[in-house]
Amino acid sequence: MSFINTNGLDELAKRLADSVPESLRAVGRDLESNFKAVLQAQLAKLDLVTRQDFDVQAAILERTQGKLTALEARLKDLEAKLTPGAG
């Protein structure tokens, strides 16, 4: 599992704590850290990857697809040359 952006997690926990009614804000900081802990635990279960890892894998897939397309064209050309009566 990859590292999750804690800045975004901190911001989300703060926004959740800020959404608590004013009468309960005295415990707001405790709520914020509790929200953060719960969010981290739940996100860890999702086995997420970072955007950077995703982008690297997408680039690898794109290069691989390009190579596959070229190999398929080459194979088709070779098959055409080997087939009797073709070209």
Protein backbone atom coordinates (compact mmCIF):
# COMPACT_ATOMS: atom_id res chain seq x y z
CA MET A 1 0.00 0.00 0.00
CA SER A 2 1.23 3.48 -0.78
CA PHE A 3 1.49 6.54 1.43
CA ILE A 4 -1.63 8.73 1.65
CA ASN A 5 -1.32 12.53 1.50
CA THR A 6 -1.60 13.58 5.16
CA ASN A 7 -2.09 17.26 4.30
CA GLY A 8 -5.36 16.41 2.59
CA LEU A 9 -6.29 14.15 5.48
CA ASP A 10 -5.55 16.91 8.00
CA GLU A 11 -7.71 19.32 6.02
CA LEU A 12 -10.59 16.84 5.81
CA ALA A 13 -10.41 16.10 9.55
CA LYS A 14 -10.40 19.85 10.28
CA ARG A 15 -13.41 20.42 8.03
CA LEU A 16 -15.30 17.60 9.73
CA ALA A 17 -14.47 19.02 13.17
CA ASP A 18 -15.52 22.50 12.02
CA SER A 19 -18.87 21.13 10.90
CA VAL A 20 -19.72 20.14 14.47
CA PRO A 21 -22.31 22.47 16.09
CA GLU A 22 -20.94 25.46 17.99
CA SER A 23 -22.13 24.07 21.33
CA LEU A 24 -19.81 21.09 20.89
CA ARG A 25 -16.78 22.99 19.60
CA ALA A 26 -15.11 22.87 23.02
CA VAL A 27 -14.21 19.30 22.19
CA GLY A 28 -13.45 20.26 18.58
CA ARG A 29 -9.71 19.63 18.72
CA ASP A 30 -10.29 16.19 20.21
CA LEU A 31 -12.85 15.52 17.50
CA GLU A 32 -10.41 16.64 14.82
CA SER A 33 -7.73 14.19 15.95
CA ASN A 34 -10.33 11.44 16.34
CA PHE A 35 -11.70 12.14 12.85
CA LYS A 36 -8.16 12.01 11.48
CA ALA A 37 -7.45 8.67 13.17
CA VAL A 38 -10.70 7.16 11.89
CA LEU A 39 -10.08 8.48 8.37
CA GLN A 40 -6.52 7.11 8.33
CA ALA A 41 -7.71 3.70 9.51
CA GLN A 42 -10.48 3.50 6.93
CA LEU A 43 -8.34 4.78 4.06
CA ALA A 44 -5.60 2.29 4.95
CA LYS A 45 -8.11 -0.51 4.34
CA LEU A 46 -8.68 0.73 0.78
CA ASP A 47 -5.10 -0.01 -0.29
CA LEU A 48 -4.82 3.25 -2.26
CA VAL A 49 -1.87 4.33 -4.38
CA THR A 50 -0.42 7.79 -4.76
CA ARG A 51 -1.12 9.88 -7.83
CA GLN A 52 2.58 9.64 -8.73
CA ASP A 53 2.49 5.82 -8.64
CA PHE A 54 -0.69 5.84 -10.71
CA ASP A 55 0.85 8.16 -13.31
CA VAL A 56 3.99 5.99 -13.55
CA GLN A 57 1.90 2.86 -14.10
CA ALA A 58 -0.29 4.65 -16.68
CA ALA A 59 2.83 5.69 -18.63
CA ILE A 60 4.19 2.13 -18.53
CA LEU A 61 0.84 0.81 -19.77
CA GLU A 62 0.77 3.35 -22.60
CA ARG A 63 4.30 2.37 -23.74
CA THR A 64 3.40 -1.32 -23.50
CA GLN A 65 0.25 -0.82 -25.58
CA GLY A 66 2.30 1.00 -28.22
CA LYS A 67 4.82 -1.84 -28.37
CA LEU A 68 2.02 -4.41 -28.57
CA THR A 69 0.41 -2.56 -31.46
CA ALA A 70 3.74 -2.45 -33.31
CA LEU A 71 4.35 -6.16 -32.68
CA GLU A 72 0.86 -7.06 -33.89
CA ALA A 73 1.45 -5.11 -37.11
CA ARG A 74 4.84 -6.79 -37.58
CA LEU A 75 3.34 -10.24 -36.96
CA LYS A 76 0.56 -9.57 -39.47
CA ASP A 77 3.15 -8.48 -42.04
CA LEU A 78 5.28 -11.59 -41.44
CA GLU A 79 2.24 -13.88 -41.63
CA ALA A 80 1.25 -12.27 -44.93
CA LYS A 81 4.75 -12.92 -46.33
CA LEU A 82 4.66 -16.57 -45.23
CA THR A 83 1.15 -17.36 -46.43
CA PRO A 84 1.13 -18.98 -49.91
CA GLY A 85 -0.60 -16.86 -52.53
CA ALA A 86 -0.47 -13.72 -50.37
CA GLY A 87 1.10 -10.49 -51.69
